[in-house]
N, C-alpha and C. Protein backbone atom coordinates (compact mmCIF):
# COMPACT_ATOMS: atom_id res chain seq x y z
N MET A 1 -41.72 -65.92 -6.89
CA MET A 1 -42.55 -64.73 -7.01
C MET A 1 -41.67 -63.56 -7.48
N ILE A 2 -42.09 -62.88 -8.50
CA ILE A 2 -41.35 -61.74 -9.02
C ILE A 2 -41.86 -60.48 -8.33
N GLY A 3 -40.98 -59.81 -7.59
CA GLY A 3 -41.37 -58.62 -6.85
C GLY A 3 -41.58 -57.42 -7.75
N SER A 4 -40.71 -57.24 -8.71
CA SER A 4 -40.80 -56.11 -9.63
C SER A 4 -40.29 -56.54 -11.00
N MET A 5 -41.22 -56.77 -11.91
CA MET A 5 -40.84 -57.26 -13.23
C MET A 5 -39.91 -56.29 -13.96
N MET A 6 -40.20 -55.00 -13.87
CA MET A 6 -39.39 -54.03 -14.59
C MET A 6 -37.98 -53.97 -14.00
N SER A 7 -37.88 -54.02 -12.68
CA SER A 7 -36.56 -54.01 -12.04
C SER A 7 -35.76 -55.24 -12.44
N ALA A 8 -36.41 -56.39 -12.48
CA ALA A 8 -35.73 -57.62 -12.88
C ALA A 8 -35.26 -57.52 -14.33
N SER A 9 -36.10 -57.01 -15.19
CA SER A 9 -35.76 -56.88 -16.61
C SER A 9 -34.61 -55.90 -16.81
N GLN A 10 -34.68 -54.76 -16.14
CA GLN A 10 -33.62 -53.76 -16.28
C GLN A 10 -32.31 -54.29 -15.73
N SER A 11 -32.35 -55.02 -14.62
CA SER A 11 -31.14 -55.58 -14.03
C SER A 11 -30.52 -56.62 -14.95
N TYR A 12 -31.33 -57.46 -15.54
CA TYR A 12 -30.85 -58.47 -16.49
C TYR A 12 -30.13 -57.79 -17.65
N ASP A 13 -30.75 -56.77 -18.22
CA ASP A 13 -30.13 -56.06 -19.34
C ASP A 13 -28.86 -55.34 -18.90
N ALA A 14 -28.86 -54.74 -17.71
CA ALA A 14 -27.68 -54.02 -17.21
C ALA A 14 -26.48 -54.96 -17.07
N VAL A 15 -26.72 -56.16 -16.57
CA VAL A 15 -25.63 -57.13 -16.42
C VAL A 15 -25.06 -57.48 -17.80
N HIS A 16 -25.92 -57.67 -18.78
CA HIS A 16 -25.43 -57.99 -20.12
C HIS A 16 -24.65 -56.83 -20.74
N LEU A 17 -25.12 -55.61 -20.55
CA LEU A 17 -24.39 -54.45 -21.08
C LEU A 17 -23.03 -54.32 -20.40
N LEU A 18 -22.99 -54.53 -19.10
CA LEU A 18 -21.71 -54.46 -18.38
C LEU A 18 -20.78 -55.58 -18.83
N LEU A 19 -21.30 -56.77 -19.02
CA LEU A 19 -20.49 -57.88 -19.50
C LEU A 19 -19.89 -57.56 -20.86
N ARG A 20 -20.66 -56.96 -21.74
CA ARG A 20 -20.14 -56.57 -23.05
C ARG A 20 -19.02 -55.53 -22.90
N ALA A 21 -19.20 -54.60 -21.97
CA ALA A 21 -18.15 -53.60 -21.74
C ALA A 21 -16.90 -54.25 -21.17
N LEU A 22 -17.05 -55.24 -20.31
CA LEU A 22 -15.89 -55.95 -19.77
C LEU A 22 -15.10 -56.64 -20.88
N PHE A 23 -15.80 -57.25 -21.83
CA PHE A 23 -15.09 -57.86 -22.96
C PHE A 23 -14.39 -56.81 -23.81
N GLU A 24 -15.03 -55.67 -24.01
CA GLU A 24 -14.43 -54.59 -24.81
C GLU A 24 -13.20 -54.00 -24.14
N SER A 25 -13.18 -54.01 -22.80
CA SER A 25 -12.05 -53.40 -22.08
C SER A 25 -10.80 -54.28 -22.12
N LYS A 26 -10.93 -55.52 -22.58
CA LYS A 26 -9.80 -56.44 -22.77
C LYS A 26 -8.94 -56.59 -21.51
N GLY A 27 -9.61 -56.73 -20.39
CA GLY A 27 -8.90 -56.99 -19.14
C GLY A 27 -8.57 -55.77 -18.31
N ASN A 28 -8.70 -54.59 -18.87
CA ASN A 28 -8.44 -53.37 -18.11
C ASN A 28 -9.73 -52.98 -17.40
N LEU A 29 -9.78 -53.21 -16.10
CA LEU A 29 -11.01 -52.98 -15.35
C LEU A 29 -11.05 -51.63 -14.63
N SER A 30 -10.23 -50.69 -15.05
CA SER A 30 -10.25 -49.37 -14.43
C SER A 30 -11.54 -48.64 -14.78
N GLY A 31 -11.93 -47.74 -13.91
CA GLY A 31 -13.16 -46.98 -14.12
C GLY A 31 -13.23 -46.27 -15.46
N PRO A 32 -12.19 -45.49 -15.82
CA PRO A 32 -12.25 -44.78 -17.10
C PRO A 32 -12.35 -45.71 -18.31
N THR A 33 -11.67 -46.86 -18.23
CA THR A 33 -11.72 -47.80 -19.36
C THR A 33 -13.11 -48.42 -19.49
N LEU A 34 -13.71 -48.81 -18.37
CA LEU A 34 -15.06 -49.38 -18.42
C LEU A 34 -16.08 -48.34 -18.87
N LYS A 35 -15.92 -47.11 -18.40
CA LYS A 35 -16.82 -46.03 -18.83
C LYS A 35 -16.74 -45.83 -20.33
N LYS A 36 -15.53 -45.80 -20.85
CA LYS A 36 -15.34 -45.62 -22.29
C LYS A 36 -15.94 -46.81 -23.06
N ALA A 37 -15.75 -48.01 -22.54
CA ALA A 37 -16.30 -49.19 -23.20
C ALA A 37 -17.84 -49.16 -23.22
N LEU A 38 -18.46 -48.75 -22.10
CA LEU A 38 -19.93 -48.65 -22.05
C LEU A 38 -20.45 -47.60 -23.02
N GLU A 39 -19.70 -46.53 -23.17
CA GLU A 39 -20.13 -45.44 -24.05
C GLU A 39 -19.88 -45.75 -25.53
N ASN A 40 -19.13 -46.81 -25.81
CA ASN A 40 -18.78 -47.13 -27.19
C ASN A 40 -18.98 -48.60 -27.52
N LEU A 41 -20.07 -49.17 -27.07
CA LEU A 41 -20.34 -50.57 -27.38
C LEU A 41 -20.51 -50.72 -28.89
N PRO A 42 -19.80 -51.67 -29.51
CA PRO A 42 -19.79 -51.74 -30.97
C PRO A 42 -21.05 -52.32 -31.62
N ARG A 43 -21.80 -53.13 -30.88
CA ARG A 43 -22.98 -53.77 -31.47
C ARG A 43 -24.20 -53.55 -30.58
N ALA A 44 -25.35 -53.58 -31.21
CA ALA A 44 -26.60 -53.47 -30.46
C ALA A 44 -26.81 -54.73 -29.62
N TYR A 45 -27.45 -54.57 -28.49
CA TYR A 45 -27.81 -55.70 -27.63
C TYR A 45 -29.34 -55.79 -27.61
N HIS A 46 -29.87 -56.94 -27.99
CA HIS A 46 -31.31 -57.16 -28.01
C HIS A 46 -31.71 -57.70 -26.63
N GLY A 47 -32.11 -56.78 -25.75
CA GLY A 47 -32.40 -57.13 -24.37
C GLY A 47 -33.86 -57.40 -24.10
N VAL A 48 -34.17 -57.48 -22.82
CA VAL A 48 -35.54 -57.73 -22.37
C VAL A 48 -36.38 -56.46 -22.48
N VAL A 49 -35.83 -55.34 -22.05
CA VAL A 49 -36.57 -54.08 -22.04
C VAL A 49 -36.64 -53.47 -23.43
N THR A 50 -35.53 -53.53 -24.16
CA THR A 50 -35.47 -52.92 -25.49
C THR A 50 -34.25 -53.44 -26.23
N THR A 51 -34.05 -52.95 -27.44
CA THR A 51 -32.80 -53.16 -28.15
C THR A 51 -31.93 -51.95 -27.89
N TYR A 52 -30.79 -52.18 -27.28
CA TYR A 52 -29.90 -51.09 -26.90
C TYR A 52 -28.86 -50.89 -27.99
N ASP A 53 -28.94 -49.78 -28.68
CA ASP A 53 -27.96 -49.42 -29.70
C ASP A 53 -27.33 -48.12 -29.22
N ARG A 54 -26.13 -48.22 -28.73
CA ARG A 54 -25.44 -47.06 -28.10
C ARG A 54 -26.27 -46.51 -26.93
N PRO A 55 -26.47 -47.32 -25.89
CA PRO A 55 -27.32 -46.89 -24.78
C PRO A 55 -26.73 -45.75 -23.95
N PHE A 56 -25.41 -45.56 -24.02
CA PHE A 56 -24.75 -44.52 -23.22
C PHE A 56 -23.86 -43.68 -24.13
N SER A 57 -23.64 -42.45 -23.70
CA SER A 57 -22.68 -41.58 -24.37
C SER A 57 -21.92 -40.83 -23.28
N ASP A 58 -20.99 -39.99 -23.70
CA ASP A 58 -20.23 -39.25 -22.69
C ASP A 58 -21.09 -38.22 -21.95
N LYS A 59 -22.25 -37.87 -22.51
CA LYS A 59 -23.15 -36.91 -21.86
C LYS A 59 -24.45 -37.53 -21.37
N GLU A 60 -24.79 -38.71 -21.86
CA GLU A 60 -26.06 -39.37 -21.51
C GLU A 60 -25.77 -40.72 -20.87
N HIS A 61 -26.16 -40.86 -19.60
CA HIS A 61 -25.87 -42.09 -18.87
C HIS A 61 -27.12 -42.85 -18.43
N ASP A 62 -28.24 -42.58 -19.05
CA ASP A 62 -29.47 -43.34 -18.80
C ASP A 62 -29.73 -44.21 -20.01
N ALA A 63 -29.80 -45.53 -19.81
CA ALA A 63 -29.99 -46.45 -20.93
C ALA A 63 -31.45 -46.52 -21.37
N ILE A 64 -32.36 -46.03 -20.54
CA ILE A 64 -33.77 -46.07 -20.88
C ILE A 64 -34.38 -44.68 -20.77
N SER A 65 -35.54 -44.51 -21.38
CA SER A 65 -36.27 -43.25 -21.26
C SER A 65 -37.72 -43.56 -20.87
N ALA A 66 -38.46 -42.56 -20.49
CA ALA A 66 -39.81 -42.75 -19.94
C ALA A 66 -40.76 -43.49 -20.88
N ASN A 67 -40.58 -43.36 -22.18
CA ASN A 67 -41.47 -44.04 -23.13
C ASN A 67 -41.32 -45.56 -23.09
N MET A 68 -40.29 -46.06 -22.44
CA MET A 68 -40.03 -47.49 -22.39
C MET A 68 -40.65 -48.17 -21.16
N LEU A 69 -41.21 -47.40 -20.26
CA LEU A 69 -41.73 -47.95 -19.01
C LEU A 69 -43.22 -48.22 -19.09
N TRP A 70 -43.67 -49.22 -18.36
CA TRP A 70 -45.10 -49.53 -18.27
C TRP A 70 -45.39 -50.05 -16.87
N LEU A 71 -46.66 -49.97 -16.50
CA LEU A 71 -47.08 -50.46 -15.19
C LEU A 71 -47.84 -51.76 -15.34
N GLY A 72 -47.57 -52.67 -14.47
CA GLY A 72 -48.26 -53.95 -14.52
C GLY A 72 -48.07 -54.73 -13.23
N THR A 73 -48.74 -55.84 -13.15
CA THR A 73 -48.64 -56.73 -11.99
C THR A 73 -48.50 -58.16 -12.48
N TRP A 74 -48.10 -59.02 -11.58
CA TRP A 74 -47.98 -60.45 -11.88
C TRP A 74 -49.12 -61.15 -11.16
N ARG A 75 -50.05 -61.71 -11.91
CA ARG A 75 -51.21 -62.38 -11.31
C ARG A 75 -51.43 -63.73 -11.98
N ASN A 76 -51.68 -64.71 -11.16
CA ASN A 76 -51.99 -66.05 -11.66
C ASN A 76 -50.97 -66.55 -12.68
N GLY A 77 -49.70 -66.26 -12.42
CA GLY A 77 -48.63 -66.76 -13.29
C GLY A 77 -48.44 -66.02 -14.59
N GLU A 78 -49.02 -64.85 -14.73
CA GLU A 78 -48.82 -64.07 -15.96
C GLU A 78 -48.84 -62.58 -15.65
N ARG A 79 -48.24 -61.81 -16.55
CA ARG A 79 -48.24 -60.36 -16.36
C ARG A 79 -49.55 -59.79 -16.82
N GLN A 80 -50.00 -58.77 -16.09
CA GLN A 80 -51.20 -58.04 -16.46
C GLN A 80 -50.87 -56.56 -16.42
N PHE A 81 -51.22 -55.88 -17.47
CA PHE A 81 -50.92 -54.46 -17.58
C PHE A 81 -51.95 -53.64 -16.82
N SER A 82 -51.51 -52.52 -16.29
CA SER A 82 -52.41 -51.63 -15.58
C SER A 82 -53.29 -50.84 -16.53
N TYR A 83 -52.81 -50.62 -17.74
CA TYR A 83 -53.56 -49.84 -18.73
C TYR A 83 -53.68 -50.64 -20.03
N ARG A 84 -54.85 -50.67 -20.62
CA ARG A 84 -55.08 -51.44 -21.85
C ARG A 84 -54.18 -51.00 -22.99
N ASP A 85 -53.96 -49.70 -23.11
CA ASP A 85 -53.10 -49.20 -24.18
C ASP A 85 -51.69 -49.78 -24.08
N GLU A 86 -51.22 -49.99 -22.86
CA GLU A 86 -49.89 -50.58 -22.66
C GLU A 86 -49.86 -52.00 -23.19
N ALA A 87 -50.90 -52.76 -22.95
CA ALA A 87 -50.96 -54.14 -23.42
C ALA A 87 -50.90 -54.20 -24.95
N LYS A 88 -51.54 -53.25 -25.63
CA LYS A 88 -51.52 -53.22 -27.09
C LYS A 88 -50.13 -52.95 -27.63
N LEU A 89 -49.32 -52.22 -26.87
CA LEU A 89 -47.97 -51.86 -27.31
C LEU A 89 -46.90 -52.82 -26.80
N ALA A 90 -47.28 -53.83 -26.05
CA ALA A 90 -46.31 -54.71 -25.38
C ALA A 90 -45.37 -55.40 -26.35
N SER A 91 -45.83 -55.75 -27.53
CA SER A 91 -44.97 -56.49 -28.45
C SER A 91 -44.05 -55.58 -29.28
N MET A 92 -44.23 -54.28 -29.16
CA MET A 92 -43.39 -53.33 -29.90
C MET A 92 -42.11 -53.05 -29.12
N ILE A 93 -41.00 -52.94 -29.84
CA ILE A 93 -39.74 -52.56 -29.20
C ILE A 93 -39.77 -51.05 -28.98
N ARG A 94 -39.62 -50.66 -27.75
CA ARG A 94 -39.61 -49.23 -27.42
C ARG A 94 -38.17 -48.79 -27.30
N ARG A 95 -37.79 -47.86 -28.11
CA ARG A 95 -36.41 -47.39 -28.12
C ARG A 95 -36.28 -46.07 -27.36
N LYS A 96 -35.08 -45.85 -26.89
CA LYS A 96 -34.78 -44.64 -26.12
C LYS A 96 -35.04 -43.40 -26.97
N GLN A 97 -35.71 -42.43 -26.35
CA GLN A 97 -35.97 -41.16 -27.05
C GLN A 97 -35.10 -40.07 -26.49
């Protein structure tokens, strides 16, 4: 049973972004090095929530914005949106604004 689809999706993407930063840091796991690596990821990551192209900067530390969120529930083995307009937009990649 999935308790929170959006939380699961965001967590999955966060782990992948952090893993990419770990590879970029080339073994240096210090805070400043990882921060710099997260802020300067060289390639876009095509995640579950969105395609992340430079998700972080030295001034912006939120990888998502409000336009990327939707409300829904998991019923009978499938997701159901709370609002019809959200369902129409589900297949579109929502990028950070």
